[in-house]
Amino acid sequence: MATGPGERYDFLLSRRGSVATIAREVTDVLTEKGYRVFVEDYDVPLAANFIEEMHDAIKNARDLVVLFTRDMSSRCTPDGGL
């Protein structure tokens, strides 16, 4: 996983709900394949401004992976809102 501001990532992994185990597995597979992965759960310091950290990570990621539970998908509206 990359460690500094402005570093480039192959993937940004964000999750919502109870999919932490799946997120860890996806991260492990990607890093084993040599990809650089920014993981919201591990790479945003507790004292940091979450919005700024995620904004920087999104700008510096090639692809975005979002995992969420089936529960969350049932709350989505057709226009993409929650």
N, C-alpha and C. Protein backbone atom coordinates (compact mmCIF):
# COMPACT_ATOMS: atom_id res chain seq x y z
N MET A 1 0.84 -1.19 0.00
CA MET A 1 0.00 0.00 0.00
C MET A 1 0.88 1.25 0.00
N ALA A 2 0.47 2.22 -0.73
CA ALA A 2 1.22 3.47 -0.78
C ALA A 2 1.08 4.21 0.54
N THR A 3 2.04 5.08 0.81
CA THR A 3 2.03 5.69 2.14
C THR A 3 2.09 7.21 2.17
N GLY A 4 2.34 7.87 1.10
CA GLY A 4 2.49 9.32 1.17
C GLY A 4 1.46 10.06 0.36
N PRO A 5 1.27 11.36 0.68
CA PRO A 5 0.31 12.16 -0.07
C PRO A 5 0.76 12.30 -1.52
N GLY A 6 -0.19 12.22 -2.42
CA GLY A 6 0.10 12.37 -3.83
C GLY A 6 0.68 11.13 -4.49
N GLU A 7 0.81 10.04 -3.75
CA GLU A 7 1.30 8.80 -4.37
C GLU A 7 0.24 8.24 -5.28
N ARG A 8 0.67 7.54 -6.32
CA ARG A 8 -0.25 6.95 -7.28
C ARG A 8 -0.63 5.54 -6.85
N TYR A 9 -1.88 5.20 -7.06
CA TYR A 9 -2.40 3.88 -6.72
C TYR A 9 -3.01 3.27 -7.98
N ASP A 10 -2.99 1.95 -8.02
CA ASP A 10 -3.72 1.27 -9.09
C ASP A 10 -5.20 1.21 -8.74
N PHE A 11 -5.49 1.00 -7.46
CA PHE A 11 -6.87 0.88 -7.00
C PHE A 11 -7.09 1.63 -5.70
N LEU A 12 -8.26 2.21 -5.57
CA LEU A 12 -8.75 2.73 -4.30
C LEU A 12 -9.88 1.80 -3.90
N LEU A 13 -9.80 1.23 -2.71
CA LEU A 13 -10.85 0.33 -2.25
C LEU A 13 -11.60 1.00 -1.11
N SER A 14 -12.89 1.16 -1.31
CA SER A 14 -13.76 1.74 -0.29
C SER A 14 -14.85 0.74 0.01
N ARG A 15 -15.29 0.71 1.24
CA ARG A 15 -16.33 -0.25 1.59
C ARG A 15 -17.37 0.38 2.49
N ARG A 16 -18.50 -0.24 2.52
CA ARG A 16 -19.61 0.22 3.37
C ARG A 16 -20.29 -1.02 3.92
N GLY A 17 -20.62 -1.02 5.18
CA GLY A 17 -21.33 -2.14 5.76
C GLY A 17 -20.38 -3.23 6.24
N SER A 18 -20.90 -4.43 6.28
CA SER A 18 -20.19 -5.54 6.91
C SER A 18 -19.37 -6.36 5.91
N VAL A 19 -18.67 -5.71 5.03
CA VAL A 19 -17.88 -6.43 4.04
C VAL A 19 -16.37 -6.26 4.26
N ALA A 20 -15.98 -6.00 5.50
CA ALA A 20 -14.56 -5.79 5.81
C ALA A 20 -13.72 -7.00 5.43
N THR A 21 -14.21 -8.19 5.69
CA THR A 21 -13.46 -9.40 5.37
C THR A 21 -13.26 -9.54 3.87
N ILE A 22 -14.30 -9.27 3.11
CA ILE A 22 -14.19 -9.34 1.65
C ILE A 22 -13.23 -8.27 1.15
N ALA A 23 -13.31 -7.07 1.73
CA ALA A 23 -12.40 -5.99 1.33
C ALA A 23 -10.96 -6.39 1.58
N ARG A 24 -10.69 -7.02 2.71
CA ARG A 24 -9.34 -7.48 3.03
C ARG A 24 -8.87 -8.52 2.02
N GLU A 25 -9.75 -9.44 1.65
CA GLU A 25 -9.41 -10.48 0.68
C GLU A 25 -9.11 -9.88 -0.69
N VAL A 26 -9.94 -8.94 -1.12
CA VAL A 26 -9.71 -8.26 -2.40
C VAL A 26 -8.38 -7.53 -2.38
N THR A 27 -8.12 -6.82 -1.29
CA THR A 27 -6.85 -6.09 -1.14
C THR A 27 -5.67 -7.05 -1.19
N ASP A 28 -5.76 -8.16 -0.48
CA ASP A 28 -4.67 -9.14 -0.47
C ASP A 28 -4.39 -9.68 -1.86
N VAL A 29 -5.44 -10.02 -2.61
CA VAL A 29 -5.26 -10.55 -3.97
C VAL A 29 -4.60 -9.50 -4.86
N LEU A 30 -5.08 -8.27 -4.78
CA LEU A 30 -4.52 -7.21 -5.63
C LEU A 30 -3.06 -6.93 -5.29
N THR A 31 -2.74 -6.85 -4.01
CA THR A 31 -1.35 -6.57 -3.62
C THR A 31 -0.43 -7.75 -3.95
N GLU A 32 -0.94 -8.97 -3.84
CA GLU A 32 -0.14 -10.15 -4.23
C GLU A 32 0.18 -10.13 -5.72
N LYS A 33 -0.70 -9.54 -6.51
CA LYS A 33 -0.49 -9.43 -7.95
C LYS A 33 0.40 -8.24 -8.30
N GLY A 34 0.83 -7.49 -7.27
CA GLY A 34 1.74 -6.38 -7.49
C GLY A 34 1.09 -5.02 -7.66
N TYR A 35 -0.22 -4.92 -7.45
CA TYR A 35 -0.91 -3.64 -7.57
C TYR A 35 -0.75 -2.83 -6.29
N ARG A 36 -0.75 -1.51 -6.45
CA ARG A 36 -0.71 -0.60 -5.29
C ARG A 36 -2.15 -0.25 -4.96
N VAL A 37 -2.55 -0.49 -3.72
CA VAL A 37 -3.94 -0.34 -3.31
C VAL A 37 -4.03 0.63 -2.13
N PHE A 38 -4.92 1.61 -2.26
CA PHE A 38 -5.26 2.49 -1.14
C PHE A 38 -6.54 1.94 -0.55
N VAL A 39 -6.53 1.63 0.74
CA VAL A 39 -7.70 1.07 1.41
C VAL A 39 -8.18 2.07 2.45
N GLU A 40 -9.40 2.51 2.28
CA GLU A 40 -9.99 3.51 3.18
C GLU A 40 -9.82 3.12 4.64
N ASP A 41 -10.06 1.86 4.97
CA ASP A 41 -10.00 1.41 6.37
C ASP A 41 -8.62 1.53 6.99
N TYR A 42 -7.57 1.39 6.18
CA TYR A 42 -6.22 1.31 6.73
C TYR A 42 -5.34 2.50 6.38
N ASP A 43 -5.63 3.19 5.31
CA ASP A 43 -4.73 4.23 4.84
C ASP A 43 -5.15 5.66 5.17
N VAL A 44 -6.29 5.83 5.80
CA VAL A 44 -6.70 7.16 6.26
C VAL A 44 -6.41 7.22 7.75
N PRO A 45 -5.43 8.04 8.16
CA PRO A 45 -5.11 8.14 9.59
C PRO A 45 -6.31 8.62 10.41
N LEU A 46 -6.42 8.15 11.63
CA LEU A 46 -7.56 8.50 12.48
C LEU A 46 -7.71 10.01 12.68
N ALA A 47 -6.63 10.73 12.83
CA ALA A 47 -6.70 12.17 13.09
C ALA A 47 -6.82 13.00 11.82
N ALA A 48 -6.81 12.37 10.66
CA ALA A 48 -6.82 13.09 9.39
C ALA A 48 -8.23 13.56 9.02
N ASN A 49 -8.27 14.52 8.11
CA ASN A 49 -9.53 14.98 7.55
C ASN A 49 -9.96 13.94 6.51
N PHE A 50 -10.99 13.16 6.82
CA PHE A 50 -11.41 12.05 5.97
C PHE A 50 -11.73 12.51 4.55
N ILE A 51 -12.45 13.59 4.42
CA ILE A 51 -12.85 14.08 3.09
C ILE A 51 -11.61 14.42 2.25
N GLU A 52 -10.66 15.14 2.83
CA GLU A 52 -9.45 15.49 2.09
C GLU A 52 -8.63 14.27 1.71
N GLU A 53 -8.50 13.32 2.65
CA GLU A 53 -7.73 12.10 2.37
C GLU A 53 -8.36 11.30 1.23
N MET A 54 -9.68 11.16 1.27
CA MET A 54 -10.36 10.41 0.21
C MET A 54 -10.29 11.14 -1.12
N HIS A 55 -10.41 12.46 -1.08
CA HIS A 55 -10.30 13.26 -2.31
C HIS A 55 -8.94 13.05 -2.96
N ASP A 56 -7.87 13.14 -2.16
CA ASP A 56 -6.53 12.93 -2.68
C ASP A 56 -6.36 11.50 -3.22
N ALA A 57 -6.89 10.53 -2.49
CA ALA A 57 -6.76 9.14 -2.93
C ALA A 57 -7.50 8.91 -4.25
N ILE A 58 -8.68 9.48 -4.39
CA ILE A 58 -9.45 9.33 -5.63
C ILE A 58 -8.69 9.97 -6.80
N LYS A 59 -8.13 11.15 -6.57
CA LYS A 59 -7.37 11.82 -7.63
C LYS A 59 -6.16 11.00 -8.05
N ASN A 60 -5.60 10.22 -7.13
CA ASN A 60 -4.36 9.50 -7.39
C ASN A 60 -4.57 8.01 -7.66
N ALA A 61 -5.80 7.60 -7.86
CA ALA A 61 -6.08 6.18 -8.15
C ALA A 61 -6.49 6.02 -9.60
N ARG A 62 -6.03 4.93 -10.19
CA ARG A 62 -6.40 4.62 -11.57
C ARG A 62 -7.82 4.07 -11.63
N ASP A 63 -8.17 3.19 -10.68
CA ASP A 63 -9.49 2.56 -10.64
C ASP A 63 -10.05 2.63 -9.22
N LEU A 64 -11.36 2.52 -9.13
CA LEU A 64 -12.06 2.57 -7.85
C LEU A 64 -12.85 1.29 -7.66
N VAL A 65 -12.72 0.67 -6.48
CA VAL A 65 -13.49 -0.51 -6.12
C VAL A 65 -14.33 -0.14 -4.91
N VAL A 66 -15.64 -0.30 -5.01
CA VAL A 66 -16.55 0.00 -3.90
C VAL A 66 -17.29 -1.28 -3.55
N LEU A 67 -17.22 -1.67 -2.30
CA LEU A 67 -17.93 -2.86 -1.82
C LEU A 67 -18.98 -2.42 -0.82
N PHE A 68 -20.17 -2.98 -0.94
CA PHE A 68 -21.20 -2.70 0.05
C PHE A 68 -22.11 -3.91 0.17
N THR A 69 -22.83 -3.97 1.26
CA THR A 69 -23.70 -5.11 1.51
C THR A 69 -24.97 -5.03 0.67
N ARG A 70 -25.61 -6.16 0.52
CA ARG A 70 -26.88 -6.20 -0.21
C ARG A 70 -27.89 -5.26 0.44
N ASP A 71 -27.84 -5.14 1.76
CA ASP A 71 -28.69 -4.22 2.49
C ASP A 71 -28.60 -2.81 1.93
N MET A 72 -27.36 -2.36 1.70
CA MET A 72 -27.15 -1.00 1.18
C MET A 72 -27.74 -0.87 -0.23
N SER A 73 -27.60 -1.89 -1.07
CA SER A 73 -28.08 -1.76 -2.45
C SER A 73 -29.60 -1.63 -2.49
N SER A 74 -30.30 -2.21 -1.51
CA SER A 74 -31.75 -2.10 -1.51
C SER A 74 -32.22 -0.70 -1.15
N ARG A 75 -31.32 0.12 -0.59
CA ARG A 75 -31.69 1.49 -0.22
C ARG A 75 -31.40 2.49 -1.31
N CYS A 76 -30.75 2.06 -2.36
CA CYS A 76 -30.41 2.99 -3.45
C CYS A 76 -31.63 3.29 -4.30
N THR A 77 -31.73 4.53 -4.72
CA THR A 77 -32.83 4.93 -5.59
C THR A 77 -32.38 4.85 -7.04
N PRO A 78 -33.30 4.82 -7.99
CA PRO A 78 -32.91 4.73 -9.41
C PRO A 78 -31.97 5.84 -9.87
N ASP A 79 -32.02 7.00 -9.23
CA ASP A 79 -31.14 8.10 -9.66
C ASP A 79 -29.76 8.02 -9.01
N GLY A 80 -29.49 6.94 -8.24
CA GLY A 80 -28.17 6.75 -7.65
C GLY A 80 -28.05 7.27 -6.23
N GLY A 81 -29.07 7.95 -5.72
CA GLY A 81 -28.99 8.47 -4.36
C GLY A 81 -29.31 7.39 -3.33
N LEU A 82 -29.06 7.71 -2.09
CA LEU A 82 -29.37 6.77 -1.01
C LEU A 82 -30.65 7.17 -0.32
